[in-house]
Amino acid sequence: MQTILGANRIIATELAKELHKNYTKDIRLVSRNPKKVNESDELVSADLLNEQATSDAVADSEIVYMSGATL
């Protein structure tokens, strides 16, 4: 499983497309209101400012990507 945090950003969308096309179909997209990029994407709604929610969202991930964040 590869997880992308901040999944609604343009960089995350392009990364999800590229991962799906060339590397893996096991992609988890995480944001407050995630939307599928690829049919097989797993969606997780989480507030990334919440430590426990973020920890839960990345559970069982081999790789985690963080799309740019605005705090």
PDB file of N, CA and C in Angstrom:
ATOM      1  N   MET A   1       0.850  -1.184   0.000  1.00  0.00           N
ATOM      2  CA  MET A   1       0.000   0.000   0.000  1.00  0.00           C
ATOM      3  C   MET A   1       0.887   1.236   0.000  1.00  0.00           C
ATOM      4  N   GLN A   2       0.576   2.171  -0.901  1.00  0.00           N
ATOM      5  CA  GLN A   2       1.237   3.462  -0.917  1.00  0.00           C
ATOM      6  C   GLN A   2       0.181   4.518  -0.620  1.00  0.00           C
ATOM      7  N   THR A   3       0.486   5.404   0.316  1.00  0.00           N
ATOM      8  CA  THR A   3      -0.484   6.376   0.797  1.00  0.00           C
ATOM      9  C   THR A   3      -0.044   7.783   0.444  1.00  0.00           C
ATOM     10  N   ILE A   4      -1.000   8.571  -0.030  1.00  0.00           N
ATOM     11  CA  ILE A   4      -0.734   9.973  -0.355  1.00  0.00           C
ATOM     12  C   ILE A   4      -1.543  10.837   0.597  1.00  0.00           C
ATOM     13  N   LEU A   5      -0.845  11.614   1.420  1.00  0.00           N
ATOM     14  CA  LEU A   5      -1.485  12.558   2.340  1.00  0.00           C
ATOM     15  C   LEU A   5      -1.669  13.894   1.630  1.00  0.00           C
ATOM     16  N   GLY A   6      -2.763  14.565   1.888  1.00  0.00           N
ATOM     17  CA  GLY A   6      -3.053  15.821   1.194  1.00  0.00           C
ATOM     18  C   GLY A   6      -3.514  15.533  -0.225  1.00  0.00           C
ATOM     19  N   ALA A   7      -4.387  14.545  -0.365  1.00  0.00           N
ATOM     20  CA  ALA A   7      -4.701  13.942  -1.657  1.00  0.00           C
ATOM     21  C   ALA A   7      -5.471  14.823  -2.636  1.00  0.00           C
ATOM     22  N   ASN A   8      -6.025  15.936  -2.241  1.00  0.00           N
ATOM     23  CA  ASN A   8      -6.789  16.751  -3.191  1.00  0.00           C
ATOM     24  C   ASN A   8      -5.932  17.767  -3.939  1.00  0.00           C
ATOM     25  N   ARG A   9      -4.672  17.811  -3.656  1.00  0.00           N
ATOM     26  CA  ARG A   9      -3.787  18.762  -4.331  1.00  0.00           C
ATOM     27  C   ARG A   9      -3.381  18.231  -5.700  1.00  0.00           C
ATOM     28  N   ILE A  10      -3.061  19.132  -6.618  1.00  0.00           N
ATOM     29  CA  ILE A  10      -2.744  18.750  -7.999  1.00  0.00           C
ATOM     30  C   ILE A  10      -1.544  17.809  -8.058  1.00  0.00           C
ATOM     31  N   ILE A  11      -0.527  18.043  -7.241  1.00  0.00           N
ATOM     32  CA  ILE A  11       0.649  17.160  -7.236  1.00  0.00           C
ATOM     33  C   ILE A  11       0.239  15.758  -6.797  1.00  0.00           C
ATOM     34  N   ALA A  12      -0.627  15.658  -5.810  1.00  0.00           N
ATOM     35  CA  ALA A  12      -1.088  14.354  -5.339  1.00  0.00           C
ATOM     36  C   ALA A  12      -1.890  13.636  -6.418  1.00  0.00           C
ATOM     37  N   THR A  13      -2.710  14.373  -7.135  1.00  0.00           N
ATOM     38  CA  THR A  13      -3.497  13.777  -8.216  1.00  0.00           C
ATOM     39  C   THR A  13      -2.591  13.210  -9.291  1.00  0.00           C
ATOM     40  N   GLU A  14      -1.608  13.965  -9.700  1.00  0.00           N
ATOM     41  CA  GLU A  14      -0.668  13.497 -10.732  1.00  0.00           C
ATOM     42  C   GLU A  14       0.158  12.318 -10.224  1.00  0.00           C
ATOM     43  N   LEU A  15       0.560  12.353  -8.962  1.00  0.00           N
ATOM     44  CA  LEU A  15       1.306  11.238  -8.376  1.00  0.00           C
ATOM     45  C   LEU A  15       0.451   9.976  -8.367  1.00  0.00           C
ATOM     46  N   ALA A  16      -0.809  10.088  -7.980  1.00  0.00           N
ATOM     47  CA  ALA A  16      -1.703   8.932  -7.955  1.00  0.00           C
ATOM     48  C   ALA A  16      -1.852   8.319  -9.351  1.00  0.00           C
ATOM     49  N   LYS A  17      -1.980   9.156 -10.365  1.00  0.00           N
ATOM     50  CA  LYS A  17      -2.072   8.661 -11.745  1.00  0.00           C
ATOM     51  C   LYS A  17      -0.808   7.908 -12.141  1.00  0.00           C
ATOM     52  N   GLU A  18       0.332   8.492 -11.833  1.00  0.00           N
ATOM     53  CA  GLU A  18       1.618   7.889 -12.208  1.00  0.00           C
ATOM     54  C   GLU A  18       1.874   6.580 -11.459  1.00  0.00           C
ATOM     55  N   LEU A  19       1.598   6.566 -10.171  1.00  0.00           N
ATOM     56  CA  LEU A  19       1.768   5.334  -9.403  1.00  0.00           C
ATOM     57  C   LEU A  19       0.900   4.217  -9.966  1.00  0.00           C
ATOM     58  N   HIS A  20      -0.344   4.539 -10.251  1.00  0.00           N
ATOM     59  CA  HIS A  20      -1.293   3.545 -10.765  1.00  0.00           C
ATOM     60  C   HIS A  20      -0.849   3.023 -12.132  1.00  0.00           C
ATOM     61  N   LYS A  21      -0.372   3.905 -12.958  1.00  0.00           N
ATOM     62  CA  LYS A  21       0.041   3.546 -14.318  1.00  0.00           C
ATOM     63  C   LYS A  21       1.301   2.695 -14.339  1.00  0.00           C
ATOM     64  N   ASN A  22       2.253   2.998 -13.464  1.00  0.00           N
ATOM     65  CA  ASN A  22       3.578   2.387 -13.570  1.00  0.00           C
ATOM     66  C   ASN A  22       4.051   1.538 -12.398  1.00  0.00           C
ATOM     67  N   TYR A  23       3.406   1.618 -11.239  1.00  0.00           N
ATOM     68  CA  TYR A  23       3.985   0.955 -10.075  1.00  0.00           C
ATOM     69  C   TYR A  23       3.034   0.069  -9.285  1.00  0.00           C
ATOM     70  N   THR A  24       1.886   0.578  -8.913  1.00  0.00           N
ATOM     71  CA  THR A  24       1.002  -0.183  -8.026  1.00  0.00           C
ATOM     72  C   THR A  24      -0.439   0.248  -8.205  1.00  0.00           C
ATOM     73  N   LYS A  25      -1.341  -0.650  -7.927  1.00  0.00           N
ATOM     74  CA  LYS A  25      -2.775  -0.332  -7.920  1.00  0.00           C
ATOM     75  C   LYS A  25      -3.252  -0.124  -6.481  1.00  0.00           C
ATOM     76  N   ASP A  26      -2.380  -0.382  -5.495  1.00  0.00           N
ATOM     77  CA  ASP A  26      -2.723  -0.261  -4.072  1.00  0.00           C
ATOM     78  C   ASP A  26      -2.368   1.140  -3.572  1.00  0.00           C
ATOM     79  N   ILE A  27      -3.299   2.058  -3.788  1.00  0.00           N
ATOM     80  CA  ILE A  27      -3.073   3.465  -3.437  1.00  0.00           C
ATOM     81  C   ILE A  27      -4.168   3.918  -2.493  1.00  0.00           C
ATOM     82  N   ARG A  28      -3.752   4.573  -1.411  1.00  0.00           N
ATOM     83  CA  ARG A  28      -4.693   5.146  -0.443  1.00  0.00           C
ATOM     84  C   ARG A  28      -4.557   6.665  -0.517  1.00  0.00           C
ATOM     85  N   LEU A  29      -5.676   7.344  -0.708  1.00  0.00           N
ATOM     86  CA  LEU A  29      -5.697   8.803  -0.770  1.00  0.00           C
ATOM     87  C   LEU A  29      -6.317   9.336   0.515  1.00  0.00           C
ATOM     88  N   VAL A  30      -5.600  10.241   1.171  1.00  0.00           N
ATOM     89  CA  VAL A  30      -6.041  10.750   2.471  1.00  0.00           C
ATOM     90  C   VAL A  30      -6.133  12.270   2.432  1.00  0.00           C
ATOM     91  N   SER A  31      -7.277  12.777   2.826  1.00  0.00           N
ATOM     92  CA  SER A  31      -7.491  14.214   3.030  1.00  0.00           C
ATOM     93  C   SER A  31      -8.814  14.355   3.773  1.00  0.00           C
ATOM     94  N   ARG A  32      -9.223  15.577   4.026  1.00  0.00           N
ATOM     95  CA  ARG A  32     -10.504  15.750   4.720  1.00  0.00           C
ATOM     96  C   ARG A  32     -11.662  15.241   3.868  1.00  0.00           C
ATOM     97  N   ASN A  33     -11.578  15.466   2.562  1.00  0.00           N
ATOM     98  CA  ASN A  33     -12.625  15.033   1.637  1.00  0.00           C
ATOM     99  C   ASN A  33     -11.979  14.415   0.397  1.00  0.00           C
ATOM    100  N   PRO A  34     -11.410  13.234   0.524  1.00  0.00           N
ATOM    101  CA  PRO A  34     -10.692  12.638  -0.608  1.00  0.00           C
ATOM    102  C   PRO A  34     -11.633  12.248  -1.746  1.00  0.00           C
ATOM    103  N   LYS A  35     -11.087  12.307  -2.967  1.00  0.00           N
ATOM    104  CA  LYS A  35     -11.815  11.896  -4.159  1.00  0.00           C
ATOM    105  C   LYS A  35     -10.943  10.940  -4.954  1.00  0.00           C
ATOM    106  N   LYS A  36     -11.561   9.917  -5.522  1.00  0.00           N
ATOM    107  CA  LYS A  36     -10.807   8.934  -6.300  1.00  0.00           C
ATOM    108  C   LYS A  36     -10.183   9.568  -7.531  1.00  0.00           C
ATOM    109  N   VAL A  37      -8.958   9.158  -7.801  1.00  0.00           N
ATOM    110  CA  VAL A  37      -8.269   9.507  -9.039  1.00  0.00           C
ATOM    111  C   VAL A  37      -8.344   8.297  -9.967  1.00  0.00           C
ATOM    112  N   ASN A  38      -8.119   7.122  -9.388  1.00  0.00           N
ATOM    113  CA  ASN A  38      -8.168   5.851 -10.102  1.00  0.00           C
ATOM    114  C   ASN A  38      -9.285   5.008  -9.501  1.00  0.00           C
ATOM    115  N   GLU A  39      -9.866   4.148 -10.292  1.00  0.00           N
ATOM    116  CA  GLU A  39     -10.994   3.326  -9.842  1.00  0.00           C
ATOM    117  C   GLU A  39     -10.662   2.519  -8.590  1.00  0.00           C
ATOM    118  N   SER A  40      -9.434   2.020  -8.487  1.00  0.00           N
ATOM    119  CA  SER A  40      -9.064   1.134  -7.378  1.00  0.00           C
ATOM    120  C   SER A  40      -8.583   1.868  -6.124  1.00  0.00           C
ATOM    121  N   ASP A  41      -8.547   3.188  -6.132  1.00  0.00           N
ATOM    122  CA  ASP A  41      -8.057   3.946  -4.979  1.00  0.00           C
ATOM    123  C   ASP A  41      -8.890   3.689  -3.731  1.00  0.00           C
ATOM    124  N   GLU A  42      -8.198   3.600  -2.600  1.00  0.00           N
ATOM    125  CA  GLU A  42      -8.857   3.537  -1.296  1.00  0.00           C
ATOM    126  C   GLU A  42      -8.898   4.959  -0.748  1.00  0.00           C
ATOM    127  N   LEU A  43     -10.038   5.386  -0.253  1.00  0.00           N
ATOM    128  CA  LEU A  43     -10.185   6.737   0.285  1.00  0.00           C
ATOM    129  C   LEU A  43     -10.284   6.704   1.801  1.00  0.00           C
ATOM    130  N   VAL A  44      -9.555   7.625   2.443  1.00  0.00           N
ATOM    131  CA  VAL A  44      -9.613   7.769   3.896  1.00  0.00           C
ATOM    132  C   VAL A  44      -9.777   9.247   4.208  1.00  0.00           C
ATOM    133  N   SER A  45     -10.821   9.565   4.931  1.00  0.00           N
ATOM    134  CA  SER A  45     -11.045  10.931   5.372  1.00  0.00           C
ATOM    135  C   SER A  45     -10.351  11.125   6.708  1.00  0.00           C
ATOM    136  N   ALA A  46      -9.487  12.143   6.789  1.00  0.00           N
ATOM    137  CA  ALA A  46      -8.759  12.398   8.032  1.00  0.00           C
ATOM    138  C   ALA A  46      -8.307  13.849   8.099  1.00  0.00           C
ATOM    139  N   ASP A  47      -8.273  14.379   9.307  1.00  0.00           N
ATOM    140  CA  ASP A  47      -7.699  15.697   9.580  1.00  0.00           C
ATOM    141  C   ASP A  47      -6.220  15.463   9.849  1.00  0.00           C
ATOM    142  N   LEU A  48      -5.369  15.877   8.925  1.00  0.00           N
ATOM    143  CA  LEU A  48      -3.937  15.606   9.043  1.00  0.00           C
ATOM    144  C   LEU A  48      -3.254  16.424  10.139  1.00  0.00           C
ATOM    145  N   LEU A  49      -3.981  17.336  10.754  1.00  0.00           N
ATOM    146  CA  LEU A  49      -3.442  18.048  11.914  1.00  0.00           C
ATOM    147  C   LEU A  49      -3.658  17.257  13.196  1.00  0.00           C
ATOM    148  N   ASN A  50      -4.413  16.172  13.082  1.00  0.00           N
ATOM    149  CA  ASN A  50      -4.686  15.302  14.216  1.00  0.00           C
ATOM    150  C   ASN A  50      -3.722  14.119  14.147  1.00  0.00           C
ATOM    151  N   GLU A  51      -2.844  14.011  15.141  1.00  0.00           N
ATOM    152  CA  GLU A  51      -1.802  12.985  15.143  1.00  0.00           C
ATOM    153  C   GLU A  51      -2.368  11.573  15.048  1.00  0.00           C
ATOM    154  N   GLN A  52      -3.404  11.262  15.815  1.00  0.00           N
ATOM    155  CA  GLN A  52      -3.970   9.910  15.799  1.00  0.00           C
ATOM    156  C   GLN A  52      -4.642   9.605  14.465  1.00  0.00           C
ATOM    157  N   ALA A  53      -5.359  10.573  13.918  1.00  0.00           N
ATOM    158  CA  ALA A  53      -6.020  10.367  12.622  1.00  0.00           C
ATOM    159  C   ALA A  53      -4.988  10.121  11.518  1.00  0.00           C
ATOM    160  N   THR A  54      -3.890  10.846  11.571  1.00  0.00           N
ATOM    161  CA  THR A  54      -2.828  10.663  10.573  1.00  0.00           C
ATOM    162  C   THR A  54      -2.160   9.313  10.744  1.00  0.00           C
ATOM    163  N   SER A  55      -1.887   8.938  11.977  1.00  0.00           N
ATOM    164  CA  SER A  55      -1.287   7.634  12.255  1.00  0.00           C
ATOM    165  C   SER A  55      -2.183   6.500  11.759  1.00  0.00           C
ATOM    166  N   ASP A  56      -3.473   6.615  12.008  1.00  0.00           N
ATOM    167  CA  ASP A  56      -4.424   5.606  11.540  1.00  0.00           C
ATOM    168  C   ASP A  56      -4.468   5.559  10.018  1.00  0.00           C
ATOM    169  N   ALA A  57      -4.395   6.717   9.387  1.00  0.00           N
ATOM    170  CA  ALA A  57      -4.491   6.799   7.927  1.00  0.00           C
ATOM    171  C   ALA A  57      -3.307   6.149   7.216  1.00  0.00           C
ATOM    172  N   VAL A  58      -2.148   6.159   7.837  1.00  0.00           N
ATOM    173  CA  VAL A  58      -0.957   5.585   7.191  1.00  0.00           C
ATOM    174  C   VAL A  58      -0.664   4.149   7.637  1.00  0.00           C
ATOM    175  N   ALA A  59      -1.504   3.601   8.499  1.00  0.00           N
ATOM    176  CA  ALA A  59      -1.299   2.228   8.984  1.00  0.00           C
ATOM    177  C   ALA A  59      -1.188   1.268   7.806  1.00  0.00           C
ATOM    178  N   ASP A  60      -0.247   0.343   7.894  1.00  0.00           N
ATOM    179  CA  ASP A  60      -0.014  -0.685   6.881  1.00  0.00           C
ATOM    180  C   ASP A  60       0.517  -0.145   5.557  1.00  0.00           C
ATOM    181  N   SER A  61       0.994   1.082   5.526  1.00  0.00           N
ATOM    182  CA  SER A  61       1.561   1.651   4.300  1.00  0.00           C
ATOM    183  C   SER A  61       3.033   1.289   4.190  1.00  0.00           C
ATOM    184  N   GLU A  62       3.452   0.920   2.996  1.00  0.00           N
ATOM    185  CA  GLU A  62       4.878   0.695   2.734  1.00  0.00           C
ATOM    186  C   GLU A  62       5.581   2.029   2.488  1.00  0.00           C
ATOM    187  N   ILE A  63       4.888   2.930   1.773  1.00  0.00           N
ATOM    188  CA  ILE A  63       5.437   4.243   1.429  1.00  0.00           C
ATOM    189  C   ILE A  63       4.344   5.274   1.675  1.00  0.00           C
ATOM    190  N   VAL A  64       4.737   6.421   2.236  1.00  0.00           N
ATOM    191  CA  VAL A  64       3.794   7.529   2.460  1.00  0.00           C
ATOM    192  C   VAL A  64       4.361   8.771   1.789  1.00  0.00           C
ATOM    193  N   TYR A  65       3.534   9.427   0.991  1.00  0.00           N
ATOM    194  CA  TYR A  65       3.892  10.675   0.327  1.00  0.00           C
ATOM    195  C   TYR A  65       3.103  11.804   0.978  1.00  0.00           C
ATOM    196  N   MET A  66       3.722  12.965   1.126  1.00  0.00           N
ATOM    197  CA  MET A  66       3.035  14.127   1.691  1.00  0.00           C
ATOM    198  C   MET A  66       2.992  15.198   0.626  1.00  0.00           C
ATOM    199  N   SER A  67       1.806  15.427   0.099  1.00  0.00           N
ATOM    200  CA  SER A  67       1.621  16.515  -0.853  1.00  0.00           C
ATOM    201  C   SER A  67       1.694  17.803  -0.055  1.00  0.00           C
ATOM    202  N   GLY A  68       2.217  18.861  -0.622  1.00  0.00           N
ATOM    203  CA  GLY A  68       2.420  20.122   0.066  1.00  0.00           C
ATOM    204  C   GLY A  68       1.297  20.499   1.006  1.00  0.00           C
ATOM    205  N   ALA A  69       1.626  21.018   2.155  1.00  0.00           N
ATOM    206  CA  ALA A  69       0.623  21.344   3.156  1.00  0.00           C
ATOM    207  C   ALA A  69       0.641  22.832   3.442  1.00  0.00           C
ATOM    208  N   THR A  70      -0.517  23.361   3.739  1.00  0.00           N
ATOM    209  CA  THR A  70      -0.657  24.741   4.174  1.00  0.00           C
ATOM    210  C   THR A  70      -1.195  24.708   5.590  1.00  0.00           C
ATOM    211  N   LEU A  71      -0.433  25.240   6.517  1.00  0.00           N
ATOM    212  CA  LEU A  71      -0.872  25.260   7.911  1.00  0.00           C
ATOM    213  C   LEU A  71      -1.137  26.669   8.362  1.00  0.00           C
TER     214      LEU A  71
END
